[in-house]
Amino acid sequence: RGRSRVFRQRGSRVVGCEMLVSHTSGRTARRLGLATRKGFTLIELMVVLAMIAILATLATPSLREFAANQALSGATSDLLGANMTARSAAISRNERVVVEPMDGSVGWTSGARVYIDLDQSDTFNSGDEQIMVSQAVPDTVTMNASPGTNCTPMAMFVYRPDGFLFIGGTLGNGGVPFKSTVTGRDSCVEINKTGRARVCSVGGPGPAC
């Protein structure tokens, strides 16, 4: 009987071990099954990538137009700021101040220079005091060949000490018309004879020229 008890105890240990191994294997299998279900198949991944590519293709033109319009707004804002600075300097310094393109052969797309015309020659030279310069406009911005009636293109702007705009020996109005080569939107920096500057457009957003 003693031997049979020992055998039974040993036998129960063997059965218990087998049950433990079986239970552990089942839990491991279930874990592996859950891990497998959390992943993606190759087909699912390809479908997601195709959807991303389609959405990117649809969004590209809109992003390009948005960037072009922002470039146009930036170009007009820079030139507007240059003219406002020039007028303010003319009044505060009681001097003649000029705004002209950085490169006269290229025009306003080359950027703008603001300087105090100490010798009143309407030409920047070593005797003048440069106040500021603005960078060239982006490649997507060009001069508008068909501006509004109130946006007469001018080669330069001269501000008298009282802040009024002096053009060709007399008071007058002028402007610089820009246009986007991508969207066709136009924008003009318009300056009246009192020296007041604003941004306007023909058929576009904002005040009309």
N, C-alpha and C. Protein backbone atom coordinates (compact mmCIF):
# COMPACT_ATOMS: atom_id res chain seq x y z
N ARG A 1 0.81 -1.20 0.00
CA ARG A 1 0.00 0.00 0.00
C ARG A 1 0.85 1.27 0.00
N GLY A 2 1.93 1.22 0.73
CA GLY A 2 2.83 2.37 0.76
C GLY A 2 3.33 2.70 -0.61
N ARG A 3 3.65 1.67 -1.39
CA ARG A 3 4.16 1.92 -2.74
C ARG A 3 3.07 2.52 -3.62
N SER A 4 1.87 2.00 -3.47
CA SER A 4 0.78 2.50 -4.32
C SER A 4 0.49 3.96 -4.03
N ARG A 5 0.60 4.38 -2.76
CA ARG A 5 0.39 5.79 -2.43
C ARG A 5 1.44 6.67 -3.08
N VAL A 6 2.67 6.20 -3.00
CA VAL A 6 3.75 6.96 -3.62
C VAL A 6 3.50 7.08 -5.10
N PHE A 7 3.11 6.00 -5.73
CA PHE A 7 2.87 6.01 -7.18
C PHE A 7 1.74 6.96 -7.52
N ARG A 8 0.70 6.91 -6.67
CA ARG A 8 -0.42 7.80 -6.95
C ARG A 8 -0.03 9.27 -6.80
N GLN A 9 0.77 9.56 -5.77
CA GLN A 9 1.21 10.94 -5.59
C GLN A 9 2.06 11.38 -6.77
N ARG A 10 2.97 10.48 -7.14
CA ARG A 10 3.79 10.84 -8.30
C ARG A 10 2.93 11.00 -9.55
N GLY A 11 1.96 10.13 -9.67
CA GLY A 11 1.08 10.21 -10.83
C GLY A 11 0.29 11.51 -10.84
N SER A 12 -0.18 11.93 -9.69
CA SER A 12 -0.94 13.18 -9.63
C SER A 12 -0.07 14.36 -9.97
N ARG A 13 1.23 14.28 -9.58
CA ARG A 13 2.15 15.36 -9.94
C ARG A 13 2.34 15.43 -11.43
N VAL A 14 2.44 14.29 -12.07
CA VAL A 14 2.62 14.24 -13.51
C VAL A 14 1.39 14.81 -14.21
N VAL A 15 0.20 14.41 -13.75
CA VAL A 15 -1.02 14.92 -14.35
C VAL A 15 -1.14 16.42 -14.13
N GLY A 16 -0.78 16.87 -12.91
CA GLY A 16 -0.83 18.31 -12.61
C GLY A 16 0.10 19.11 -13.49
N CYS A 17 1.30 18.55 -13.73
CA CYS A 17 2.24 19.25 -14.61
C CYS A 17 1.70 19.34 -16.02
N GLU A 18 1.12 18.23 -16.47
CA GLU A 18 0.56 18.25 -17.83
C GLU A 18 -0.56 19.28 -17.94
N MET A 19 -1.42 19.39 -16.92
CA MET A 19 -2.50 20.37 -16.95
C MET A 19 -1.95 21.79 -16.93
N LEU A 20 -0.88 22.02 -16.13
CA LEU A 20 -0.28 23.34 -16.05
C LEU A 20 0.31 23.74 -17.39
N VAL A 21 1.03 22.82 -18.04
CA VAL A 21 1.62 23.09 -19.34
C VAL A 21 0.53 23.39 -20.36
N SER A 22 -0.55 22.58 -20.31
CA SER A 22 -1.64 22.78 -21.25
C SER A 22 -2.31 24.13 -21.05
N HIS A 23 -2.52 24.52 -19.80
CA HIS A 23 -3.16 25.81 -19.51
C HIS A 23 -2.27 26.97 -19.94
N THR A 24 -0.97 26.85 -19.64
CA THR A 24 -0.01 27.90 -20.03
C THR A 24 0.06 28.03 -21.54
N SER A 25 0.08 26.93 -22.25
CA SER A 25 0.13 26.95 -23.71
C SER A 25 -1.12 27.62 -24.27
N GLY A 26 -2.27 27.39 -23.66
CA GLY A 26 -3.49 28.01 -24.13
C GLY A 26 -3.46 29.52 -23.98
N ARG A 27 -2.96 29.98 -22.83
CA ARG A 27 -2.87 31.43 -22.63
C ARG A 27 -1.89 32.06 -23.60
N THR A 28 -0.76 31.39 -23.84
CA THR A 28 0.23 31.91 -24.80
C THR A 28 -0.37 31.98 -26.19
N ALA A 29 -1.12 30.97 -26.56
CA ALA A 29 -1.74 30.96 -27.89
C ALA A 29 -2.73 32.10 -28.03
N ARG A 30 -3.52 32.30 -26.93
CA ARG A 30 -4.50 33.38 -27.00
C ARG A 30 -3.81 34.73 -27.12
N ARG A 31 -2.68 34.91 -26.39
CA ARG A 31 -1.93 36.16 -26.49
C ARG A 31 -1.39 36.37 -27.89
N LEU A 32 -0.85 35.33 -28.46
CA LEU A 32 -0.32 35.42 -29.82
C LEU A 32 -1.44 35.72 -30.80
N GLY A 33 -2.60 35.16 -30.56
CA GLY A 33 -3.73 35.43 -31.45
C GLY A 33 -4.17 36.88 -31.36
N LEU A 34 -4.19 37.44 -30.15
CA LEU A 34 -4.55 38.85 -30.00
C LEU A 34 -3.52 39.74 -30.65
N ALA A 35 -2.23 39.42 -30.48
CA ALA A 35 -1.17 40.22 -31.10
C ALA A 35 -1.29 40.20 -32.61
N THR A 36 -1.67 39.05 -33.15
CA THR A 36 -1.82 38.95 -34.60
C THR A 36 -2.99 39.77 -35.09
N ARG A 37 -4.08 39.77 -34.34
CA ARG A 37 -5.26 40.52 -34.75
C ARG A 37 -5.04 42.03 -34.66
N LYS A 38 -4.07 42.51 -33.85
CA LYS A 38 -3.80 43.93 -33.73
C LYS A 38 -2.99 44.48 -34.90
N GLY A 39 -2.38 43.70 -35.71
CA GLY A 39 -1.55 44.15 -36.81
C GLY A 39 -2.35 44.45 -38.08
N PHE A 40 -1.63 44.79 -39.17
CA PHE A 40 -2.24 45.09 -40.47
C PHE A 40 -1.74 44.07 -41.48
N THR A 41 -2.61 43.74 -42.38
CA THR A 41 -2.18 42.90 -43.49
C THR A 41 -1.57 43.78 -44.57
N LEU A 42 -0.88 43.18 -45.49
CA LEU A 42 -0.23 43.91 -46.56
C LEU A 42 -1.26 44.64 -47.43
N ILE A 43 -2.39 44.02 -47.66
CA ILE A 43 -3.44 44.64 -48.47
C ILE A 43 -4.00 45.88 -47.78
N GLU A 44 -4.24 45.77 -46.46
CA GLU A 44 -4.75 46.92 -45.72
C GLU A 44 -3.77 48.08 -45.75
N LEU A 45 -2.49 47.77 -45.60
CA LEU A 45 -1.46 48.81 -45.64
C LEU A 45 -1.41 49.49 -47.00
N MET A 46 -1.53 48.70 -48.08
CA MET A 46 -1.51 49.27 -49.43
C MET A 46 -2.71 50.16 -49.67
N VAL A 47 -3.87 49.78 -49.14
CA VAL A 47 -5.07 50.60 -49.30
C VAL A 47 -4.91 51.94 -48.59
N VAL A 48 -4.34 51.93 -47.38
CA VAL A 48 -4.12 53.17 -46.64
C VAL A 48 -3.15 54.08 -47.37
N LEU A 49 -2.06 53.51 -47.89
CA LEU A 49 -1.08 54.31 -48.62
C LEU A 49 -1.69 54.91 -49.89
N ALA A 50 -2.53 54.15 -50.56
CA ALA A 50 -3.19 54.66 -51.77
C ALA A 50 -4.12 55.82 -51.44
N MET A 51 -4.84 55.74 -50.32
CA MET A 51 -5.72 56.83 -49.91
C MET A 51 -4.93 58.08 -49.56
N ILE A 52 -3.79 57.91 -48.90
CA ILE A 52 -2.95 59.06 -48.57
C ILE A 52 -2.43 59.72 -49.83
N ALA A 53 -2.04 58.93 -50.82
CA ALA A 53 -1.53 59.48 -52.08
C ALA A 53 -2.62 60.26 -52.82
N ILE A 54 -3.84 59.75 -52.81
CA ILE A 54 -4.95 60.44 -53.47
C ILE A 54 -5.25 61.77 -52.79
N LEU A 55 -5.29 61.77 -51.46
CA LEU A 55 -5.56 63.01 -50.73
C LEU A 55 -4.46 64.04 -50.96
N ALA A 56 -3.20 63.58 -50.99
CA ALA A 56 -2.09 64.51 -51.24
C ALA A 56 -2.17 65.12 -52.63
N THR A 57 -2.59 64.31 -53.61
CA THR A 57 -2.73 64.83 -54.98
C THR A 57 -3.82 65.88 -55.06
N LEU A 58 -4.93 65.66 -54.35
CA LEU A 58 -6.02 66.63 -54.37
C LEU A 58 -5.66 67.91 -53.64
N ALA A 59 -4.82 67.82 -52.60
CA ALA A 59 -4.49 69.00 -51.79
C ALA A 59 -3.38 69.84 -52.39
N THR A 60 -2.55 69.27 -53.26
CA THR A 60 -1.39 70.00 -53.80
C THR A 60 -1.76 71.28 -54.53
N PRO A 61 -2.74 71.29 -55.46
CA PRO A 61 -3.08 72.56 -56.14
C PRO A 61 -3.54 73.65 -55.17
N SER A 62 -4.34 73.29 -54.18
CA SER A 62 -4.83 74.27 -53.22
C SER A 62 -3.69 74.87 -52.41
N LEU A 63 -2.76 74.03 -52.01
CA LEU A 63 -1.60 74.52 -51.25
C LEU A 63 -0.74 75.43 -52.10
N ARG A 64 -0.59 75.10 -53.38
CA ARG A 64 0.21 75.92 -54.28
C ARG A 64 -0.43 77.30 -54.49
N GLU A 65 -1.75 77.33 -54.66
CA GLU A 65 -2.45 78.60 -54.82
C GLU A 65 -2.38 79.42 -53.54
N PHE A 66 -2.51 78.76 -52.41
CA PHE A 66 -2.43 79.46 -51.13
C PHE A 66 -1.05 80.10 -50.96
N ALA A 67 0.01 79.35 -51.28
CA ALA A 67 1.37 79.89 -51.16
C ALA A 67 1.59 81.06 -52.11
N ALA A 68 1.03 80.97 -53.34
CA ALA A 68 1.17 82.05 -54.31
C ALA A 68 0.47 83.32 -53.85
N ASN A 69 -0.72 83.18 -53.29
CA ASN A 69 -1.45 84.34 -52.79
C ASN A 69 -0.75 84.96 -51.58
N GLN A 70 -0.16 84.12 -50.75
CA GLN A 70 0.61 84.63 -49.62
C GLN A 70 1.83 85.40 -50.09
N ALA A 71 2.47 84.92 -51.15
CA ALA A 71 3.64 85.62 -51.71
C ALA A 71 3.25 86.98 -52.25
N LEU A 72 2.09 87.05 -52.92
CA LEU A 72 1.60 88.33 -53.44
C LEU A 72 1.29 89.30 -52.30
N SER A 73 0.64 88.82 -51.28
CA SER A 73 0.33 89.66 -50.12
C SER A 73 1.60 90.16 -49.44
N GLY A 74 2.61 89.29 -49.36
CA GLY A 74 3.86 89.68 -48.75
C GLY A 74 4.58 90.76 -49.54
N ALA A 75 4.55 90.65 -50.88
CA ALA A 75 5.22 91.64 -51.74
C ALA A 75 4.57 93.01 -51.59
N THR A 76 3.25 93.05 -51.62
CA THR A 76 2.55 94.34 -51.48
C THR A 76 2.72 94.92 -50.08
N SER A 77 2.72 94.06 -49.07
CA SER A 77 2.88 94.54 -47.70
C SER A 77 4.26 95.15 -47.49
N ASP A 78 5.29 94.53 -48.07
CA ASP A 78 6.66 95.05 -47.94
C ASP A 78 6.77 96.43 -48.58
N LEU A 79 6.21 96.58 -49.78
CA LEU A 79 6.29 97.87 -50.47
C LEU A 79 5.43 98.92 -49.76
N LEU A 80 4.29 98.51 -49.25
CA LEU A 80 3.45 99.43 -48.48
C LEU A 80 4.21 99.93 -47.25
N GLY A 81 4.86 99.02 -46.56
CA GLY A 81 5.63 99.39 -45.38
C GLY A 81 6.79 100.33 -45.72
N ALA A 82 7.43 100.10 -46.87
CA ALA A 82 8.54 100.96 -47.29
C ALA A 82 8.05 102.39 -47.52
N ASN A 83 6.89 102.55 -48.16
CA ASN A 83 6.36 103.88 -48.43
C ASN A 83 5.88 104.58 -47.15
N MET A 84 5.32 103.82 -46.24
CA MET A 84 4.91 104.41 -44.98
C MET A 84 6.13 104.88 -44.18
N THR A 85 7.19 104.08 -44.23
CA THR A 85 8.44 104.48 -43.56
C THR A 85 9.01 105.74 -44.18
N ALA A 86 8.97 105.81 -45.51
CA ALA A 86 9.50 106.97 -46.22
C ALA A 86 8.73 108.24 -45.85
N ARG A 87 7.43 108.17 -45.85
CA ARG A 87 6.61 109.34 -45.52
C ARG A 87 6.86 109.80 -44.09
N SER A 88 6.93 108.83 -43.18
CA SER A 88 7.17 109.17 -41.78
C SER A 88 8.54 109.83 -41.61
N ALA A 89 9.55 109.31 -42.31
CA ALA A 89 10.90 109.88 -42.22
C ALA A 89 10.95 111.28 -42.81
N ALA A 90 10.23 111.49 -43.90
CA ALA A 90 10.21 112.81 -44.53
C ALA A 90 9.65 113.87 -43.57
N ILE A 91 8.59 113.51 -42.87
CA ILE A 91 7.96 114.46 -41.95
C ILE A 91 8.83 114.67 -40.71
N SER A 92 9.31 113.57 -40.11
CA SER A 92 10.07 113.68 -38.87
C SER A 92 11.45 114.31 -39.08
N ARG A 93 12.07 114.04 -40.22
CA ARG A 93 13.40 114.59 -40.49
C ARG A 93 13.35 115.90 -41.27
N ASN A 94 12.15 116.26 -41.73
CA ASN A 94 11.98 117.48 -42.54
C ASN A 94 12.92 117.45 -43.75
N GLU A 95 12.92 116.29 -44.42
CA GLU A 95 13.80 116.10 -45.56
C GLU A 95 13.04 115.48 -46.72
N ARG A 96 13.65 115.48 -47.85
CA ARG A 96 13.10 114.85 -49.05
C ARG A 96 13.50 113.37 -49.02
N VAL A 97 12.53 112.47 -49.09
CA VAL A 97 12.80 111.03 -48.99
C VAL A 97 12.27 110.34 -50.25
N VAL A 98 13.09 109.42 -50.76
CA VAL A 98 12.78 108.74 -52.03
C VAL A 98 12.62 107.24 -51.79
N VAL A 99 11.65 106.66 -52.51
CA VAL A 99 11.49 105.21 -52.57
C VAL A 99 11.65 104.81 -54.03
N GLU A 100 12.60 103.92 -54.31
CA GLU A 100 12.85 103.51 -55.68
C GLU A 100 13.23 102.03 -55.72
N PRO A 101 13.15 101.40 -56.89
CA PRO A 101 13.53 99.98 -56.99
C PRO A 101 15.03 99.79 -56.71
N MET A 102 15.37 98.64 -56.18
CA MET A 102 16.78 98.33 -55.94
C MET A 102 17.55 98.28 -57.25
N ASP A 103 16.91 97.76 -58.28
CA ASP A 103 17.51 97.70 -59.62
C ASP A 103 16.55 98.37 -60.60
N GLY A 104 16.94 99.54 -61.06
CA GLY A 104 16.07 100.28 -61.95
C GLY A 104 15.77 99.57 -63.25
N SER A 105 16.69 98.74 -63.73
CA SER A 105 16.47 98.02 -64.99
C SER A 105 15.48 96.87 -64.84
N VAL A 106 15.32 96.39 -63.62
CA VAL A 106 14.40 95.28 -63.35
C VAL A 106 13.04 95.81 -62.88
N GLY A 107 13.07 96.84 -62.08
CA GLY A 107 11.82 97.40 -61.57
C GLY A 107 11.55 96.99 -60.13
N TRP A 108 10.30 97.15 -59.74
CA TRP A 108 9.92 96.93 -58.34
C TRP A 108 10.02 95.49 -57.89
N THR A 109 10.07 94.55 -58.82
CA THR A 109 10.23 93.15 -58.40
C THR A 109 11.61 92.87 -57.81
N SER A 110 12.55 93.80 -57.99
CA SER A 110 13.90 93.63 -57.44
C SER A 110 14.00 94.06 -55.99
N GLY A 111 12.91 94.59 -55.44
CA GLY A 111 12.94 95.12 -54.07
C GLY A 111 12.93 96.64 -54.10
N ALA A 112 12.92 97.25 -52.93
CA ALA A 112 12.84 98.71 -52.85
C ALA A 112 13.89 99.26 -51.88
N ARG A 113 14.33 100.47 -52.18
CA ARG A 113 15.27 101.19 -51.32
C ARG A 113 14.63 102.51 -50.88
N VAL A 114 14.76 102.82 -49.60
CA VAL A 114 14.28 104.08 -49.05
C VAL A 114 15.48 104.88 -48.56
N TYR A 115 15.59 106.11 -49.02
CA TYR A 115 16.75 106.92 -48.60
C TYR A 115 16.39 108.40 -48.54
N ILE A 116 17.14 109.13 -47.74
CA ILE A 116 17.00 110.58 -47.66
C ILE A 116 17.83 111.20 -48.77
N ASP A 117 17.17 111.90 -49.66
CA ASP A 117 17.82 112.48 -50.84
C ASP A 117 18.42 113.84 -50.45
N LEU A 118 19.58 113.80 -49.81
CA LEU A 118 20.18 115.01 -49.27
C LEU A 118 20.58 116.00 -50.36
N ASP A 119 21.01 115.50 -51.51
CA ASP A 119 21.40 116.41 -52.59
C ASP A 119 20.25 116.69 -53.57
N GLN A 120 19.08 116.07 -53.28
CA GLN A 120 17.87 116.28 -54.09
C GLN A 120 18.10 116.01 -55.58
N SER A 121 18.81 114.91 -55.82
CA SER A 121 19.09 114.52 -57.21
C SER A 121 18.15 113.42 -57.71
N ASP A 122 17.30 112.88 -56.81
CA ASP A 122 16.42 111.76 -57.14
C ASP A 122 17.21 110.52 -57.59
N THR A 123 18.44 110.45 -57.15
CA THR A 123 19.30 109.31 -57.46
C THR A 123 20.11 108.97 -56.21
N PHE A 124 20.15 107.70 -55.87
CA PHE A 124 20.89 107.30 -54.67
C PHE A 124 22.38 107.32 -54.94
N ASN A 125 23.11 108.05 -54.11
CA ASN A 125 24.57 108.11 -54.24
C ASN A 125 25.20 108.17 -52.85
N SER A 126 26.50 108.33 -52.81
CA SER A 126 27.24 108.27 -51.55
C SER A 126 26.86 109.40 -50.59
N GLY A 127 26.31 110.47 -51.09
CA GLY A 127 25.94 111.59 -50.23
C GLY A 127 24.59 111.43 -49.57
N ASP A 128 23.83 110.40 -49.93
CA ASP A 128 22.50 110.19 -49.37
C ASP A 128 22.54 109.23 -48.19
N GLU A 129 21.47 109.26 -47.41
CA GLU A 129 21.37 108.40 -46.23
C GLU A 129 20.32 107.31 -46.47
N GLN A 130 20.78 106.08 -46.53
CA GLN A 130 19.84 104.97 -46.75
C GLN A 130 19.13 104.63 -45.46
N ILE A 131 17.82 104.50 -45.53
CA ILE A 131 17.02 104.20 -44.34
C ILE A 131 16.70 102.72 -44.26
N MET A 132 16.26 102.13 -45.37
CA MET A 132 15.90 100.71 -45.36
C MET A 132 15.89 100.16 -46.78
N VAL A 133 15.94 98.84 -46.88
CA VAL A 133 15.79 98.15 -48.16
C VAL A 133 14.87 96.96 -47.95
N SER A 134 14.15 96.57 -48.98
CA SER A 134 13.30 95.39 -48.94
C SER A 134 13.79 94.39 -49.96
N GLN A 135 13.54 93.12 -49.70
CA GLN A 135 14.02 92.06 -50.57
C GLN A 135 13.22 91.98 -51.87
N ALA A 136 13.81 91.29 -52.83
CA ALA A 136 13.12 91.06 -54.10
C ALA A 136 11.88 90.21 -53.87
N VAL A 137 10.88 90.40 -54.71
CA VAL A 137 9.63 89.65 -54.56
C VAL A 137 9.84 88.21 -55.00
N PRO A 138 9.00 87.26 -54.58
CA PRO A 138 9.12 85.86 -55.02
C PRO A 138 8.93 85.72 -56.53
N ASP A 139 9.38 84.59 -57.06
CA ASP A 139 9.29 84.35 -58.50
C ASP A 139 7.86 84.28 -59.01
N THR A 140 6.92 83.98 -58.12
CA THR A 140 5.51 83.86 -58.54
C THR A 140 4.81 85.23 -58.62
N VAL A 141 5.54 86.31 -58.34
CA VAL A 141 4.96 87.66 -58.38
C VAL A 141 5.63 88.45 -59.50
N THR A 142 4.83 89.11 -60.31
CA THR A 142 5.34 89.92 -61.41
C THR A 142 4.57 91.24 -61.46
N MET A 143 4.98 92.14 -62.36
CA MET A 143 4.26 93.39 -62.53
C MET A 143 2.99 93.15 -63.34
N ASN A 144 1.91 93.84 -62.95
CA ASN A 144 0.64 93.71 -63.64
C ASN A 144 0.61 94.67 -64.83
N ALA A 145 0.48 94.11 -66.02
CA ALA A 145 0.50 94.93 -67.23
C ALA A 145 -0.83 95.66 -67.46
N SER A 146 -1.88 95.25 -66.77
CA SER A 146 -3.20 95.90 -66.93
C SER A 146 -3.76 96.30 -65.57
N PRO A 147 -3.16 97.30 -64.94
CA PRO A 147 -3.61 97.69 -63.60
C PRO A 147 -4.89 98.52 -63.65
N GLY A 148 -5.43 98.80 -62.48
CA GLY A 148 -6.63 99.63 -62.39
C GLY A 148 -6.33 101.07 -62.75
N THR A 149 -7.37 101.83 -62.98
CA THR A 149 -7.20 103.23 -63.41
C THR A 149 -6.54 104.09 -62.34
N ASN A 150 -6.71 103.73 -61.08
CA ASN A 150 -6.11 104.51 -60.00
C ASN A 150 -4.75 103.97 -59.56
N CYS A 151 -4.24 103.03 -60.30
CA CYS A 151 -2.94 102.44 -59.94
C CYS A 151 -1.95 102.68 -61.08
N THR A 152 -1.66 103.92 -61.34
CA THR A 152 -0.73 104.27 -62.42
C THR A 152 0.69 103.91 -62.01
N PRO A 153 1.36 103.03 -62.75
CA PRO A 153 2.71 102.60 -62.37
C PRO A 153 3.69 103.77 -62.35
N MET A 154 4.51 103.81 -61.30
CA MET A 154 5.51 104.85 -61.15
C MET A 154 6.89 104.23 -60.97
N ALA A 155 7.90 104.90 -61.52
CA ALA A 155 9.27 104.39 -61.43
C ALA A 155 9.87 104.67 -60.06
N MET A 156 9.38 105.68 -59.36
CA MET A 156 9.88 106.04 -58.04
C MET A 156 8.87 106.94 -57.34
N PHE A 157 9.02 107.08 -56.02
CA PHE A 157 8.16 107.96 -55.23
C PHE A 157 9.03 108.91 -54.43
N VAL A 158 8.69 110.17 -54.48
CA VAL A 158 9.43 111.19 -53.75
C VAL A 158 8.49 111.88 -52.76
N TYR A 159 8.86 111.84 -51.49
CA TYR A 159 8.04 112.46 -50.45
C TYR A 159 8.67 113.78 -50.01
N ARG A 160 7.86 114.82 -50.01
CA ARG A 160 8.32 116.12 -49.55
C ARG A 160 8.38 116.13 -48.02
N PRO A 161 9.02 117.15 -47.44
CA PRO A 161 9.08 117.22 -45.98
C PRO A 161 7.72 117.29 -45.29
N ASP A 162 6.68 117.70 -46.03
CA ASP A 162 5.34 117.72 -45.43
C ASP A 162 4.61 116.39 -45.62
N GLY A 163 5.26 115.40 -46.24
CA GLY A 163 4.66 114.08 -46.41
C GLY A 163 3.89 113.90 -47.69
N PHE A 164 3.75 114.95 -48.50
CA PHE A 164 3.01 114.84 -49.75
C PHE A 164 3.88 114.17 -50.82
N LEU A 165 3.21 113.54 -51.78
CA LEU A 165 3.90 112.82 -52.84
C LEU A 165 4.24 113.77 -53.98
N PHE A 166 5.51 113.79 -54.34
CA PHE A 166 6.01 114.71 -55.36
C PHE A 166 6.41 113.89 -56.58
N ILE A 167 5.66 114.02 -57.70
CA ILE A 167 5.91 113.23 -58.90
C ILE A 167 6.09 114.17 -60.09
N GLY A 168 7.24 114.07 -60.72
CA GLY A 168 7.48 114.86 -61.93
C GLY A 168 7.39 116.36 -61.71
N GLY A 169 7.83 116.82 -60.54
CA GLY A 169 7.82 118.24 -60.27
C GLY A 169 6.50 118.77 -59.76
N THR A 170 5.52 117.91 -59.54
CA THR A 170 4.22 118.35 -59.05
C THR A 170 3.60 117.27 -58.16
N LEU A 171 2.56 117.64 -57.45
CA LEU A 171 1.86 116.66 -56.61
C LEU A 171 1.06 115.72 -57.50
N GLY A 172 1.03 114.45 -57.13
CA GLY A 172 0.29 113.50 -57.95
C GLY A 172 0.07 112.18 -57.26
N ASN A 173 -0.70 111.30 -57.92
CA ASN A 173 -0.97 109.96 -57.42
C ASN A 173 -0.13 108.95 -58.17
N GLY A 174 0.11 107.81 -57.57
CA GLY A 174 0.87 106.76 -58.24
C GLY A 174 0.67 105.42 -57.57
N GLY A 175 1.21 104.39 -58.16
CA GLY A 175 1.08 103.06 -57.59
C GLY A 175 2.08 102.08 -58.16
N VAL A 176 2.06 100.89 -57.60
CA VAL A 176 2.88 99.78 -58.08
C VAL A 176 1.98 98.56 -58.18
N PRO A 177 1.65 98.11 -59.39
CA PRO A 177 0.73 96.98 -59.56
C PRO A 177 1.47 95.64 -59.64
N PHE A 178 1.11 94.73 -58.77
CA PHE A 178 1.67 93.39 -58.77
C PHE A 178 0.60 92.39 -59.21
N LYS A 179 1.07 91.21 -59.65
CA LYS A 179 0.14 90.16 -60.05
C LYS A 179 0.78 88.80 -59.82
N SER A 180 -0.04 87.83 -59.41
CA SER A 180 0.45 86.47 -59.20
C SER A 180 0.45 85.71 -60.52
N THR A 181 1.56 85.08 -60.85
CA THR A 181 1.63 84.29 -62.08
C THR A 181 0.96 82.93 -61.92
N VAL A 182 0.60 82.57 -60.72
CA VAL A 182 -0.03 81.27 -60.46
C VAL A 182 -1.55 81.39 -60.45
N THR A 183 -2.07 82.33 -59.68
CA THR A 183 -3.52 82.47 -59.53
C THR A 183 -4.12 83.58 -60.38
N GLY A 184 -3.29 84.49 -60.89
CA GLY A 184 -3.79 85.61 -61.66
C GLY A 184 -4.34 86.74 -60.80
N ARG A 185 -4.27 86.60 -59.48
CA ARG A 185 -4.78 87.64 -58.58
C ARG A 185 -3.86 88.86 -58.66
N ASP A 186 -4.46 90.05 -58.62
CA ASP A 186 -3.68 91.28 -58.69
C ASP A 186 -3.76 92.03 -57.37
N SER A 187 -2.77 92.88 -57.14
CA SER A 187 -2.73 93.70 -55.94
C SER A 187 -1.88 94.92 -56.23
N CYS A 188 -2.34 96.09 -55.81
CA CYS A 188 -1.65 97.34 -56.11
C CYS A 188 -1.38 98.13 -54.83
N VAL A 189 -0.17 98.66 -54.73
CA VAL A 189 0.15 99.61 -53.67
C VAL A 189 -0.13 100.99 -54.24
N GLU A 190 -1.22 101.58 -53.81
CA GLU A 190 -1.68 102.86 -54.35
C GLU A 190 -1.37 103.98 -53.37
N ILE A 191 -0.80 105.08 -53.89
CA ILE A 191 -0.43 106.23 -53.05
C ILE A 191 -1.04 107.49 -53.65
N ASN A 192 -1.79 108.21 -52.85
CA ASN A 192 -2.38 109.45 -53.36
C ASN A 192 -1.43 110.63 -53.13
N LYS A 193 -1.82 111.80 -53.60
CA LYS A 193 -0.91 112.95 -53.57
C LYS A 193 -0.60 113.45 -52.16
N THR A 194 -1.45 113.08 -51.19
CA THR A 194 -1.16 113.47 -49.81
C THR A 194 -0.15 112.53 -49.15
N GLY A 195 0.23 111.48 -49.88
CA GLY A 195 1.20 110.53 -49.35
C GLY A 195 0.59 109.35 -48.64
N ARG A 196 -0.72 109.29 -48.59
CA ARG A 196 -1.40 108.17 -47.95
C ARG A 196 -1.34 106.95 -48.86
N ALA A 197 -0.97 105.81 -48.30
CA ALA A 197 -0.82 104.58 -49.09
C ALA A 197 -1.83 103.54 -48.64
N ARG A 198 -2.25 102.70 -49.58
CA ARG A 198 -3.16 101.59 -49.28
C ARG A 198 -2.93 100.49 -50.31
N VAL A 199 -3.51 99.32 -50.04
CA VAL A 199 -3.45 98.18 -50.97
C VAL A 199 -4.84 97.98 -51.55
N CYS A 200 -4.93 97.89 -52.87
CA CYS A 200 -6.21 97.68 -53.53
C CYS A 200 -6.03 96.66 -54.65
N SER A 201 -7.13 96.26 -55.30
CA SER A 201 -7.07 95.29 -56.37
C SER A 201 -8.20 95.50 -57.36
N VAL A 202 -8.08 94.86 -58.51
CA VAL A 202 -9.11 94.91 -59.53
C VAL A 202 -9.81 93.56 -59.57
N GLY A 203 -11.02 93.48 -59.06
CA GLY A 203 -11.76 92.22 -59.08
C GLY A 203 -11.31 91.22 -58.04
N GLY A 204 -10.37 91.59 -57.19
CA GLY A 204 -9.89 90.67 -56.17
C GLY A 204 -10.41 91.04 -54.79
N PRO A 205 -9.92 90.37 -53.76
CA PRO A 205 -10.36 90.70 -52.39
C PRO A 205 -9.81 92.05 -51.95
N GLY A 206 -10.51 92.70 -51.05
CA GLY A 206 -10.05 93.97 -50.53
C GLY A 206 -10.64 95.14 -51.31
N PRO A 207 -10.24 96.37 -50.97
CA PRO A 207 -10.75 97.57 -51.65
C PRO A 207 -10.44 97.55 -53.14
N ALA A 208 -11.33 98.11 -53.93
CA ALA A 208 -11.13 98.17 -55.37
C ALA A 208 -10.26 99.39 -55.73
N CYS A 209 -9.44 99.22 -56.76
CA CYS A 209 -8.59 100.32 -57.22
C CYS A 209 -9.42 101.30 -58.07
